């Protein structure tokens, strides 16, 4: 039950962070036309939003890893709970891998833009 709560809170936090960032950005820019959108505005948005979002997502993934490790250690021969803990560990690690890959993409885009 706690794992589902953590998983859904992780998904909800990603949606909320994206929504807040989009709302804050579009609040400042009422309407975006193709000729107004430049690489400088995207660069400034990403440089202010990206580190904050990655920190929160990585923190939630680490909390999920800790919880799933606790589930695995306390399974005490319960195969179903051990398998569920392994699935959570794989999910949290794949989330961290995606975060690392987005960091690599972000760094390569930053080097080409700036």
PDB file of N, CA and C in Angstrom:
ATOM      1  N   UNK A   1       0.814  -1.185   0.000  1.00  0.00           N
ATOM      2  CA  UNK A   1       0.000   0.000   0.000  1.00  0.00           C
ATOM      3  C   UNK A   1       0.862   1.254   0.000  1.00  0.00           C
ATOM      4  N   UNK A   2       1.920   1.242   0.817  1.00  0.00           N
ATOM      5  CA  UNK A   2       2.795   2.403   0.861  1.00  0.00           C
ATOM      6  C   UNK A   2       3.555   2.586  -0.443  1.00  0.00           C
ATOM      7  N   UNK A   3       3.887   1.474  -1.079  1.00  0.00           N
ATOM      8  CA  UNK A   3       4.608   1.568  -2.350  1.00  0.00           C
ATOM      9  C   UNK A   3       3.728   2.193  -3.414  1.00  0.00           C
ATOM     10  N   UNK A   4       2.461   1.816  -3.457  1.00  0.00           N
ATOM     11  CA  UNK A   4       1.547   2.442  -4.419  1.00  0.00           C
ATOM     12  C   UNK A   4       1.396   3.923  -4.126  1.00  0.00           C
ATOM     13  N   UNK A   5       1.339   4.265  -2.846  1.00  0.00           N
ATOM     14  CA  UNK A   5       1.233   5.667  -2.458  1.00  0.00           C
ATOM     15  C   UNK A   5       2.470   6.441  -2.896  1.00  0.00           C
ATOM     16  N   UNK A   6       3.650   5.845  -2.701  1.00  0.00           N
ATOM     17  CA  UNK A   6       4.884   6.498  -3.141  1.00  0.00           C
ATOM     18  C   UNK A   6       4.935   6.630  -4.661  1.00  0.00           C
ATOM     19  N   UNK A   7       4.514   5.588  -5.349  1.00  0.00           N
ATOM     20  CA  UNK A   7       4.545   5.613  -6.806  1.00  0.00           C
ATOM     21  C   UNK A   7       3.609   6.686  -7.347  1.00  0.00           C
ATOM     22  N   UNK A   8       2.393   6.724  -6.810  1.00  0.00           N
ATOM     23  CA  UNK A   8       1.443   7.716  -7.290  1.00  0.00           C
ATOM     24  C   UNK A   8       1.834   9.131  -6.865  1.00  0.00           C
ATOM     25  N   UNK A   9       2.458   9.279  -5.693  1.00  0.00           N
ATOM     26  CA  UNK A   9       2.917  10.611  -5.297  1.00  0.00           C
ATOM     27  C   UNK A   9       4.068  11.064  -6.187  1.00  0.00           C
ATOM     28  N   UNK A  10       4.899  10.126  -6.651  1.00  0.00           N
ATOM     29  CA  UNK A  10       5.969  10.468  -7.586  1.00  0.00           C
ATOM     30  C   UNK A  10       5.372  10.957  -8.908  1.00  0.00           C
ATOM     31  N   UNK A  11       4.399  10.217  -9.438  1.00  0.00           N
ATOM     32  CA  UNK A  11       3.763  10.637 -10.683  1.00  0.00           C
ATOM     33  C   UNK A  11       3.051  11.977 -10.519  1.00  0.00           C
ATOM     34  N   UNK A  12       2.379  12.147  -9.397  1.00  0.00           N
ATOM     35  CA  UNK A  12       1.671  13.397  -9.141  1.00  0.00           C
ATOM     36  C   UNK A  12       2.642  14.558  -9.020  1.00  0.00           C
ATOM     37  N   UNK A  13       3.785  14.337  -8.365  1.00  0.00           N
ATOM     38  CA  UNK A  13       4.759  15.425  -8.222  1.00  0.00           C
ATOM     39  C   UNK A  13       5.351  15.820  -9.571  1.00  0.00           C
ATOM     40  N   UNK A  14       5.581  14.855 -10.438  1.00  0.00           N
ATOM     41  CA  UNK A  14       6.089  15.184 -11.773  1.00  0.00           C
ATOM     42  C   UNK A  14       5.059  16.013 -12.535  1.00  0.00           C
ATOM     43  N   UNK A  15       3.790  15.622 -12.446  1.00  0.00           N
ATOM     44  CA  UNK A  15       2.735  16.390 -13.114  1.00  0.00           C
ATOM     45  C   UNK A  15       2.589  17.787 -12.522  1.00  0.00           C
ATOM     46  N   UNK A  16       2.654  17.898 -11.209  1.00  0.00           N
ATOM     47  CA  UNK A  16       2.518  19.204 -10.563  1.00  0.00           C
ATOM     48  C   UNK A  16       3.686  20.106 -10.919  1.00  0.00           C
ATOM     49  N   UNK A  17       4.898  19.568 -10.893  1.00  0.00           N
ATOM     50  CA  UNK A  17       6.079  20.375 -11.226  1.00  0.00           C
ATOM     51  C   UNK A  17       5.994  20.868 -12.663  1.00  0.00           C
ATOM     52  N   UNK A  18       5.604  19.981 -13.574  1.00  0.00           N
ATOM     53  CA  UNK A  18       5.467  20.381 -14.969  1.00  0.00           C
ATOM     54  C   UNK A  18       4.368  21.415 -15.128  1.00  0.00           C
ATOM     55  N   UNK A  19       3.252  21.215 -14.435  1.00  0.00           N
ATOM     56  CA  UNK A  19       2.152  22.171 -14.513  1.00  0.00           C
ATOM     57  C   UNK A  19       2.511  23.528 -13.955  1.00  0.00           C
ATOM     58  N   UNK A  20       3.189  23.563 -12.816  1.00  0.00           N
ATOM     59  CA  UNK A  20       3.588  24.841 -12.217  1.00  0.00           C
ATOM     60  C   UNK A  20       4.576  25.561 -13.111  1.00  0.00           C
ATOM     61  N   UNK A  21       5.541  24.820 -13.642  1.00  0.00           N
ATOM     62  CA  UNK A  21       6.522  25.459 -14.521  1.00  0.00           C
ATOM     63  C   UNK A  21       5.855  25.997 -15.777  1.00  0.00           C
ATOM     64  N   UNK A  22       4.956  25.219 -16.357  1.00  0.00           N
ATOM     65  CA  UNK A  22       4.251  25.692 -17.547  1.00  0.00           C
ATOM     66  C   UNK A  22       3.371  26.888 -17.244  1.00  0.00           C
ATOM     67  N   UNK A  23       2.681  26.857 -16.101  1.00  0.00           N
ATOM     68  CA  UNK A  23       1.825  27.985 -15.726  1.00  0.00           C
ATOM     69  C   UNK A  23       2.654  29.242 -15.491  1.00  0.00           C
ATOM     70  N   UNK A  24       3.778  29.095 -14.778  1.00  0.00           N
ATOM     71  CA  UNK A  24       4.622  30.262 -14.508  1.00  0.00           C
ATOM     72  C   UNK A  24       5.206  30.827 -15.798  1.00  0.00           C
ATOM     73  N   UNK A  25       5.564  29.948 -16.693  1.00  0.00           N
ATOM     74  CA  UNK A  25       6.147  30.415 -17.954  1.00  0.00           C
ATOM     75  C   UNK A  25       5.091  31.099 -18.817  1.00  0.00           C
ATOM     76  N   UNK A  26       3.928  30.507 -18.928  1.00  0.00           N
ATOM     77  CA  UNK A  26       2.895  31.075 -19.783  1.00  0.00           C
ATOM     78  C   UNK A  26       2.184  32.255 -19.133  1.00  0.00           C
ATOM     79  N   UNK A  27       2.314  32.407 -17.833  1.00  0.00           N
ATOM     80  CA  UNK A  27       1.763  33.579 -17.167  1.00  0.00           C
ATOM     81  C   UNK A  27       2.542  34.820 -17.590  1.00  0.00           C
ATOM     82  N   UNK A  28       3.826  34.624 -17.750  1.00  0.00           N
ATOM     83  CA  UNK A  28       4.674  35.733 -18.169  1.00  0.00           C
ATOM     84  C   UNK A  28       4.518  35.997 -19.658  1.00  0.00           C
ATOM     85  N   UNK A  29       4.411  34.954 -20.444  1.00  0.00           N
ATOM     86  CA  UNK A  29       4.239  35.061 -21.890  1.00  0.00           C
ATOM     87  C   UNK A  29       2.804  34.704 -22.202  1.00  0.00           C
ATOM     88  N   UNK A  30       1.976  35.670 -22.480  1.00  0.00           N
ATOM     89  CA  UNK A  30       0.560  35.434 -22.704  1.00  0.00           C
ATOM     90  C   UNK A  30       0.339  34.477 -23.873  1.00  0.00           C
ATOM     91  N   UNK A  31       0.975  34.754 -24.965  1.00  0.00           N
ATOM     92  CA  UNK A  31       0.826  33.914 -26.140  1.00  0.00           C
ATOM     93  C   UNK A  31       2.203  33.746 -26.771  1.00  0.00           C
ATOM     94  N   UNK A  32       2.462  32.582 -27.280  1.00  0.00           N
ATOM     95  CA  UNK A  32       3.758  32.346 -27.903  1.00  0.00           C
ATOM     96  C   UNK A  32       3.542  32.160 -29.394  1.00  0.00           C
ATOM     97  N   UNK A  33       4.190  32.990 -30.150  1.00  0.00           N
ATOM     98  CA  UNK A  33       4.177  32.848 -31.596  1.00  0.00           C
ATOM     99  C   UNK A  33       5.512  32.260 -32.020  1.00  0.00           C
ATOM    100  N   UNK A  34       5.531  31.674 -33.173  1.00  0.00           N
ATOM    101  CA  UNK A  34       6.745  31.005 -33.636  1.00  0.00           C
ATOM    102  C   UNK A  34       7.901  31.983 -33.819  1.00  0.00           C
ATOM    103  N   UNK A  35       7.627  33.204 -34.226  1.00  0.00           N
ATOM    104  CA  UNK A  35       8.718  34.153 -34.431  1.00  0.00           C
ATOM    105  C   UNK A  35       9.231  34.729 -33.112  1.00  0.00           C
ATOM    106  N   UNK A  36       8.435  34.650 -32.021  1.00  0.00           N
ATOM    107  CA  UNK A  36       8.889  35.143 -30.722  1.00  0.00           C
ATOM    108  C   UNK A  36       9.722  34.105 -29.973  1.00  0.00           C
ATOM    109  N   UNK A  37       9.520  32.856 -30.280  1.00  0.00           N
ATOM    110  CA  UNK A  37      10.188  31.788 -29.538  1.00  0.00           C
ATOM    111  C   UNK A  37      11.618  31.651 -30.044  1.00  0.00           C
ATOM    112  N   UNK A  38      12.559  31.826 -29.156  1.00  0.00           N
ATOM    113  CA  UNK A  38      13.963  31.751 -29.552  1.00  0.00           C
ATOM    114  C   UNK A  38      14.699  30.780 -28.644  1.00  0.00           C
ATOM    115  N   UNK A  39      15.914  30.490 -29.006  1.00  0.00           N
ATOM    116  CA  UNK A  39      16.703  29.562 -28.203  1.00  0.00           C
ATOM    117  C   UNK A  39      17.087  30.182 -26.864  1.00  0.00           C
ATOM    118  N   UNK A  40      17.128  31.511 -26.777  1.00  0.00           N
ATOM    119  CA  UNK A  40      17.471  32.145 -25.507  1.00  0.00           C
ATOM    120  C   UNK A  40      16.363  31.955 -24.474  1.00  0.00           C
ATOM    121  N   UNK A  41      15.113  32.052 -24.906  1.00  0.00           N
ATOM    122  CA  UNK A  41      14.023  31.876 -23.949  1.00  0.00           C
ATOM    123  C   UNK A  41      13.941  30.423 -23.472  1.00  0.00           C
ATOM    124  N   UNK A  42      14.145  29.481 -24.362  1.00  0.00           N
ATOM    125  CA  UNK A  42      14.162  28.075 -23.965  1.00  0.00           C
ATOM    126  C   UNK A  42      15.343  27.788 -23.059  1.00  0.00           C
ATOM    127  N   UNK A  43      16.468  28.367 -23.376  1.00  0.00           N
ATOM    128  CA  UNK A  43      17.659  28.156 -22.563  1.00  0.00           C
ATOM    129  C   UNK A  43      17.491  28.717 -21.157  1.00  0.00           C
ATOM    130  N   UNK A  44      16.914  29.900 -21.046  1.00  0.00           N
ATOM    131  CA  UNK A  44      16.729  30.486 -19.718  1.00  0.00           C
ATOM    132  C   UNK A  44      15.687  29.696 -18.919  1.00  0.00           C
ATOM    133  N   UNK A  45      14.639  29.232 -19.586  1.00  0.00           N
ATOM    134  CA  UNK A  45      13.624  28.431 -18.899  1.00  0.00           C
ATOM    135  C   UNK A  45      14.223  27.124 -18.398  1.00  0.00           C
ATOM    136  N   UNK A  46      14.958  26.437 -19.245  1.00  0.00           N
ATOM    137  CA  UNK A  46      15.530  25.153 -18.857  1.00  0.00           C
ATOM    138  C   UNK A  46      16.602  25.313 -17.785  1.00  0.00           C
ATOM    139  N   UNK A  47      17.389  26.371 -17.863  1.00  0.00           N
ATOM    140  CA  UNK A  47      18.445  26.544 -16.865  1.00  0.00           C
ATOM    141  C   UNK A  47      17.880  26.866 -15.491  1.00  0.00           C
ATOM    142  N   UNK A  48      16.679  27.440 -15.430  1.00  0.00           N
ATOM    143  CA  UNK A  48      16.083  27.715 -14.130  1.00  0.00           C
ATOM    144  C   UNK A  48      15.212  26.562 -13.634  1.00  0.00           C
ATOM    145  N   UNK A  49      14.590  25.819 -14.522  1.00  0.00           N
ATOM    146  CA  UNK A  49      13.649  24.773 -14.130  1.00  0.00           C
ATOM    147  C   UNK A  49      14.302  23.408 -13.972  1.00  0.00           C
ATOM    148  N   UNK A  50      15.216  23.057 -14.824  1.00  0.00           N
ATOM    149  CA  UNK A  50      15.747  21.701 -14.896  1.00  0.00           C
ATOM    150  C   UNK A  50      16.422  21.232 -13.599  1.00  0.00           C
ATOM    151  N   UNK A  51      17.344  21.990 -13.012  1.00  0.00           N
ATOM    152  CA  UNK A  51      17.990  21.477 -11.790  1.00  0.00           C
ATOM    153  C   UNK A  51      17.007  21.243 -10.643  1.00  0.00           C
ATOM    154  N   UNK A  52      16.030  22.102 -10.523  1.00  0.00           N
ATOM    155  CA  UNK A  52      15.041  21.952  -9.463  1.00  0.00           C
ATOM    156  C   UNK A  52      14.206  20.694  -9.668  1.00  0.00           C
ATOM    157  N   UNK A  53      13.763  20.462 -10.892  1.00  0.00           N
ATOM    158  CA  UNK A  53      12.928  19.302 -11.188  1.00  0.00           C
ATOM    159  C   UNK A  53      13.709  17.998 -11.035  1.00  0.00           C
ATOM    160  N   UNK A  54      14.946  17.988 -11.472  1.00  0.00           N
ATOM    161  CA  UNK A  54      15.757  16.767 -11.365  1.00  0.00           C
ATOM    162  C   UNK A  54      16.035  16.439  -9.908  1.00  0.00           C
ATOM    163  N   UNK A  55      16.266  17.446  -9.092  1.00  0.00           N
ATOM    164  CA  UNK A  55      16.525  17.199  -7.682  1.00  0.00           C
ATOM    165  C   UNK A  55      15.319  16.557  -7.005  1.00  0.00           C
ATOM    166  N   UNK A  56      14.146  17.058  -7.288  1.00  0.00           N
ATOM    167  CA  UNK A  56      12.936  16.486  -6.683  1.00  0.00           C
ATOM    168  C   UNK A  56      12.690  15.070  -7.189  1.00  0.00           C
ATOM    169  N   UNK A  57      12.820  14.856  -8.484  1.00  0.00           N
ATOM    170  CA  UNK A  57      12.582  13.513  -9.046  1.00  0.00           C
ATOM    171  C   UNK A  57      13.620  12.515  -8.547  1.00  0.00           C
ATOM    172  N   UNK A  58      14.873  12.921  -8.447  1.00  0.00           N
ATOM    173  CA  UNK A  58      15.909  12.012  -7.946  1.00  0.00           C
ATOM    174  C   UNK A  58      15.676  11.699  -6.475  1.00  0.00           C
ATOM    175  N   UNK A  59      15.250  12.683  -5.709  1.00  0.00           N
ATOM    176  CA  UNK A  59      14.954  12.448  -4.298  1.00  0.00           C
ATOM    177  C   UNK A  59      13.824  11.450  -4.119  1.00  0.00           C
ATOM    178  N   UNK A  60      12.775  11.591  -4.920  1.00  0.00           N
ATOM    179  CA  UNK A  60      11.670  10.637  -4.839  1.00  0.00           C
ATOM    180  C   UNK A  60      12.088   9.238  -5.278  1.00  0.00           C
ATOM    181  N   UNK A  61      12.953   9.160  -6.281  1.00  0.00           N
ATOM    182  CA  UNK A  61      13.436   7.846  -6.725  1.00  0.00           C
ATOM    183  C   UNK A  61      14.299   7.193  -5.650  1.00  0.00           C
ATOM    184  N   UNK A  62      15.091   7.975  -4.945  1.00  0.00           N
ATOM    185  CA  UNK A  62      15.931   7.426  -3.879  1.00  0.00           C
ATOM    186  C   UNK A  62      15.064   6.973  -2.705  1.00  0.00           C
ATOM    187  N   UNK A  63      14.025   7.746  -2.394  1.00  0.00           N
ATOM    188  CA  UNK A  63      13.096   7.320  -1.342  1.00  0.00           C
ATOM    189  C   UNK A  63      12.426   6.003  -1.737  1.00  0.00           C
ATOM    190  N   UNK A  64      12.070   5.888  -2.999  1.00  0.00           N
ATOM    191  CA  UNK A  64      11.457   4.645  -3.480  1.00  0.00           C
ATOM    192  C   UNK A  64      12.449   3.479  -3.388  1.00  0.00           C
ATOM    193  N   UNK A  65      13.711   3.731  -3.678  1.00  0.00           N
ATOM    194  CA  UNK A  65      14.734   2.686  -3.542  1.00  0.00           C
ATOM    195  C   UNK A  65      14.880   2.249  -2.093  1.00  0.00           C
ATOM    196  N   UNK A  66      14.883   3.202  -1.184  1.00  0.00           N
ATOM    197  CA  UNK A  66      15.017   2.871   0.233  1.00  0.00           C
ATOM    198  C   UNK A  66      13.823   2.042   0.697  1.00  0.00           C
ATOM    199  N   UNK A  67      12.633   2.458   0.299  1.00  0.00           N
ATOM    200  CA  UNK A  67      11.437   1.721   0.710  1.00  0.00           C
ATOM    201  C   UNK A  67      11.411   0.312   0.111  1.00  0.00           C
ATOM    202  N   UNK A  68      11.775   0.194  -1.155  1.00  0.00           N
ATOM    203  CA  UNK A  68      11.765  -1.130  -1.770  1.00  0.00           C
ATOM    204  C   UNK A  68      12.857  -2.021  -1.184  1.00  0.00           C
ATOM    205  N   UNK A  69      13.983  -1.443  -0.804  1.00  0.00           N
ATOM    206  CA  UNK A  69      15.006  -2.228  -0.112  1.00  0.00           C
ATOM    207  C   UNK A  69      14.511  -2.720   1.238  1.00  0.00           C
ATOM    208  N   UNK A  70      13.777  -1.857   1.933  1.00  0.00           N
ATOM    209  CA  UNK A  70      13.174  -2.266   3.201  1.00  0.00           C
ATOM    210  C   UNK A  70      12.167  -3.393   2.991  1.00  0.00           C
ATOM    211  N   UNK A  71      11.359  -3.296   1.943  1.00  0.00           N
ATOM    212  CA  UNK A  71      10.410  -4.363   1.629  1.00  0.00           C
ATOM    213  C   UNK A  71      11.130  -5.675   1.341  1.00  0.00           C
ATOM    214  N   UNK A  72      12.223  -5.585   0.614  1.00  0.00           N
ATOM    215  CA  UNK A  72      12.960  -6.798   0.242  1.00  0.00           C
ATOM    216  C   UNK A  72      13.594  -7.448   1.470  1.00  0.00           C
ATOM    217  N   UNK A  73      14.164  -6.629   2.338  1.00  0.00           N
ATOM    218  CA  UNK A  73      14.828  -7.172   3.525  1.00  0.00           C
ATOM    219  C   UNK A  73      13.817  -7.788   4.481  1.00  0.00           C
ATOM    220  N   UNK A  74      12.642  -7.179   4.591  1.00  0.00           N
ATOM    221  CA  UNK A  74      11.650  -7.678   5.535  1.00  0.00           C
ATOM    222  C   UNK A  74      10.676  -8.682   4.917  1.00  0.00           C
ATOM    223  N   UNK A  75      10.965  -9.167   3.716  1.00  0.00           N
ATOM    224  CA  UNK A  75      10.053 -10.125   3.091  1.00  0.00           C
ATOM    225  C   UNK A  75      10.027 -11.461   3.840  1.00  0.00           C
ATOM    226  N   UNK A  76      11.121 -11.860   4.448  1.00  0.00           N
ATOM    227  CA  UNK A  76      11.219 -13.053   5.306  1.00  0.00           C
ATOM    228  C   UNK A  76      10.631 -14.305   4.647  1.00  0.00           C
ATOM    229  N   UNK A  77      11.039 -14.539   3.417  1.00  0.00           N
ATOM    230  CA  UNK A  77      10.589 -15.747   2.730  1.00  0.00           C
ATOM    231  C   UNK A  77       9.296 -15.589   1.968  1.00  0.00           C
ATOM    232  N   UNK A  78       8.648 -14.462   2.087  1.00  0.00           N
ATOM    233  CA  UNK A  78       7.417 -14.209   1.344  1.00  0.00           C
ATOM    234  C   UNK A  78       7.806 -13.859  -0.098  1.00  0.00           C
ATOM    235  N   UNK A  79       7.592 -14.804  -1.000  1.00  0.00           N
ATOM    236  CA  UNK A  79       8.048 -14.658  -2.382  1.00  0.00           C
ATOM    237  C   UNK A  79       7.321 -13.516  -3.088  1.00  0.00           C
ATOM    238  N   UNK A  80       6.040 -13.362  -2.811  1.00  0.00           N
ATOM    239  CA  UNK A  80       5.257 -12.304  -3.461  1.00  0.00           C
ATOM    240  C   UNK A  80       5.778 -10.920  -3.078  1.00  0.00           C
ATOM    241  N   UNK A  81       6.073 -10.731  -1.793  1.00  0.00           N
ATOM    242  CA  UNK A  81       6.584  -9.435  -1.351  1.00  0.00           C
ATOM    243  C   UNK A  81       7.994  -9.195  -1.883  1.00  0.00           C
ATOM    244  N   UNK A  82       8.808 -10.222  -1.966  1.00  0.00           N
ATOM    245  CA  UNK A  82      10.163 -10.084  -2.501  1.00  0.00           C
ATOM    246  C   UNK A  82      10.115  -9.728  -3.983  1.00  0.00           C
ATOM    247  N   UNK A  83       9.221 -10.361  -4.731  1.00  0.00           N
ATOM    248  CA  UNK A  83       9.096 -10.035  -6.154  1.00  0.00           C
ATOM    249  C   UNK A  83       8.584  -8.617  -6.362  1.00  0.00           C
ATOM    250  N   UNK A  84       7.646  -8.198  -5.519  1.00  0.00           N
ATOM    251  CA  UNK A  84       7.138  -6.830  -5.612  1.00  0.00           C
ATOM    252  C   UNK A  84       8.249  -5.822  -5.305  1.00  0.00           C
ATOM    253  N   UNK A  85       9.067  -6.132  -4.302  1.00  0.00           N
ATOM    254  CA  UNK A  85      10.184  -5.253  -3.959  1.00  0.00           C
ATOM    255  C   UNK A  85      11.192  -5.187  -5.105  1.00  0.00           C
ATOM    256  N   UNK A  86      11.436  -6.316  -5.759  1.00  0.00           N
ATOM    257  CA  UNK A  86      12.356  -6.317  -6.904  1.00  0.00           C
ATOM    258  C   UNK A  86      11.817  -5.461  -8.046  1.00  0.00           C
ATOM    259  N   UNK A  87      10.504  -5.519  -8.275  1.00  0.00           N
ATOM    260  CA  UNK A  87       9.907  -4.680  -9.319  1.00  0.00           C
ATOM    261  C   UNK A  87      10.057  -3.204  -8.988  1.00  0.00           C
ATOM    262  N   UNK A  88       9.872  -2.849  -7.722  1.00  0.00           N
ATOM    263  CA  UNK A  88      10.030  -1.452  -7.313  1.00  0.00           C
ATOM    264  C   UNK A  88      11.477  -0.991  -7.456  1.00  0.00           C
ATOM    265  N   UNK A  89      12.401  -1.882  -7.122  1.00  0.00           N
ATOM    266  CA  UNK A  89      13.821  -1.533  -7.263  1.00  0.00           C
ATOM    267  C   UNK A  89      14.158  -1.303  -8.728  1.00  0.00           C
ATOM    268  N   UNK A  90      13.695  -2.186  -9.595  1.00  0.00           N
ATOM    269  CA  UNK A  90      13.955  -2.031 -11.030  1.00  0.00           C
ATOM    270  C   UNK A  90      13.319  -0.747 -11.555  1.00  0.00           C
ATOM    271  N   UNK A  91      12.111  -0.442 -11.109  1.00  0.00           N
ATOM    272  CA  UNK A  91      11.449   0.788 -11.540  1.00  0.00           C
ATOM    273  C   UNK A  91      12.178   2.038 -11.080  1.00  0.00           C
ATOM    274  N   UNK A  92      12.623   2.043  -9.832  1.00  0.00           N
ATOM    275  CA  UNK A  92      13.336   3.208  -9.311  1.00  0.00           C
ATOM    276  C   UNK A  92      14.692   3.382 -10.010  1.00  0.00           C
ATOM    277  N   UNK A  93      15.386   2.270 -10.246  1.00  0.00           N
ATOM    278  CA  UNK A  93      16.678   2.362 -10.939  1.00  0.00           C
ATOM    279  C   UNK A  93      16.507   2.805 -12.390  1.00  0.00           C
ATOM    280  N   UNK A  94      15.460   2.334 -13.051  1.00  0.00           N
ATOM    281  CA  UNK A  94      15.236   2.782 -14.430  1.00  0.00           C
ATOM    282  C   UNK A  94      14.866   4.267 -14.455  1.00  0.00           C
ATOM    283  N   UNK A  95      14.140   4.739 -13.447  1.00  0.00           N
ATOM    284  CA  UNK A  95      13.865   6.170 -13.351  1.00  0.00           C
ATOM    285  C   UNK A  95      15.132   6.987 -13.174  1.00  0.00           C
ATOM    286  N   UNK A  96      16.047   6.490 -12.345  1.00  0.00           N
ATOM    287  CA  UNK A  96      17.329   7.188 -12.171  1.00  0.00           C
ATOM    288  C   UNK A  96      18.158   7.167 -13.453  1.00  0.00           C
ATOM    289  N   UNK A  97      18.095   6.061 -14.200  1.00  0.00           N
ATOM    290  CA  UNK A  97      18.810   5.998 -15.479  1.00  0.00           C
ATOM    291  C   UNK A  97      18.244   7.021 -16.450  1.00  0.00           C
ATOM    292  N   UNK A  98      16.914   7.151 -16.490  1.00  0.00           N
ATOM    293  CA  UNK A  98      16.295   8.162 -17.356  1.00  0.00           C
ATOM    294  C   UNK A  98      16.699   9.573 -16.942  1.00  0.00           C
ATOM    295  N   UNK A  99      16.818   9.814 -15.644  1.00  0.00           N
ATOM    296  CA  UNK A  99      17.273  11.127 -15.185  1.00  0.00           C
ATOM    297  C   UNK A  99      18.704  11.402 -15.634  1.00  0.00           C
ATOM    298  N   UNK A 100      19.545  10.390 -15.563  1.00  0.00           N
ATOM    299  CA  UNK A 100      20.931  10.561 -16.009  1.00  0.00           C
ATOM    300  C   UNK A 100      20.981  10.810 -17.514  1.00  0.00           C
ATOM    301  N   UNK A 101      20.165  10.085 -18.269  1.00  0.00           N
ATOM    302  CA  UNK A 101      20.131  10.293 -19.716  1.00  0.00           C
ATOM    303  C   UNK A 101      19.612  11.686 -20.077  1.00  0.00           C
ATOM    304  N   UNK A 102      18.606  12.170 -19.347  1.00  0.00           N
ATOM    305  CA  UNK A 102      18.134  13.528 -19.623  1.00  0.00           C
ATOM    306  C   UNK A 102      19.190  14.555 -19.255  1.00  0.00           C
ATOM    307  N   UNK A 103      19.986  14.265 -18.232  1.00  0.00           N
ATOM    308  CA  UNK A 103      21.076  15.177 -17.893  1.00  0.00           C
ATOM    309  C   UNK A 103      22.104  15.226 -19.022  1.00  0.00           C
ATOM    310  N   UNK A 104      22.394  14.077 -19.618  1.00  0.00           N
ATOM    311  CA  UNK A 104      23.337  14.063 -20.739  1.00  0.00           C
ATOM    312  C   UNK A 104      22.779  14.824 -21.943  1.00  0.00           C
ATOM    313  N   UNK A 105      21.507  14.633 -22.223  1.00  0.00           N
ATOM    314  CA  UNK A 105      20.879  15.363 -23.335  1.00  0.00           C
ATOM    315  C   UNK A 105      20.874  16.850 -23.049  1.00  0.00           C
ATOM    316  N   UNK A 106      20.538  17.217 -21.811  1.00  0.00           N
ATOM    317  CA  UNK A 106      20.511  18.630 -21.428  1.00  0.00           C
ATOM    318  C   UNK A 106      21.895  19.259 -21.563  1.00  0.00           C
ATOM    319  N   UNK A 107      22.923  18.563 -21.107  1.00  0.00           N
ATOM    320  CA  UNK A 107      24.281  19.100 -21.209  1.00  0.00           C
ATOM    321  C   UNK A 107      24.725  19.249 -22.658  1.00  0.00           C
ATOM    322  N   UNK A 108      24.369  18.296 -23.505  1.00  0.00           N
ATOM    323  CA  UNK A 108      24.749  18.419 -24.917  1.00  0.00           C
ATOM    324  C   UNK A 108      23.996  19.556 -25.589  1.00  0.00           C
ATOM    325  N   UNK A 109      22.725  19.772 -25.229  1.00  0.00           N
ATOM    326  CA  UNK A 109      21.992  20.902 -25.789  1.00  0.00           C
ATOM    327  C   UNK A 109      22.542  22.227 -25.278  1.00  0.00           C
ATOM    328  N   UNK A 110      22.913  22.282 -24.022  1.00  0.00           N
ATOM    329  CA  UNK A 110      23.490  23.504 -23.474  1.00  0.00           C
ATOM    330  C   UNK A 110      24.815  23.855 -24.164  1.00  0.00           C
ATOM    331  N   UNK A 111      25.614  22.844 -24.448  1.00  0.00           N
ATOM    332  CA  UNK A 111      26.902  23.122 -25.100  1.00  0.00           C
ATOM    333  C   UNK A 111      26.709  23.590 -26.524  1.00  0.00           C
ATOM    334  N   UNK A 112      25.668  23.108 -27.209  1.00  0.00           N
ATOM    335  CA  UNK A 112      25.429  23.541 -28.591  1.00  0.00           C
ATOM    336  C   UNK A 112      24.774  24.919 -28.645  1.00  0.00           C
ATOM    337  N   UNK A 113      23.893  25.216 -27.673  1.00  0.00           N
ATOM    338  CA  UNK A 113      23.203  26.506 -27.674  1.00  0.00           C
ATOM    339  C   UNK A 113      24.127  27.594 -27.145  1.00  0.00           C
ATOM    340  N   UNK A 114      24.754  27.330 -26.015  1.00  0.00           N
ATOM    341  CA  UNK A 114      25.537  28.366 -25.360  1.00  0.00           C
ATOM    342  C   UNK A 114      26.960  28.187 -25.640  1.00  0.00           C
TER     343      UNK A 114
END
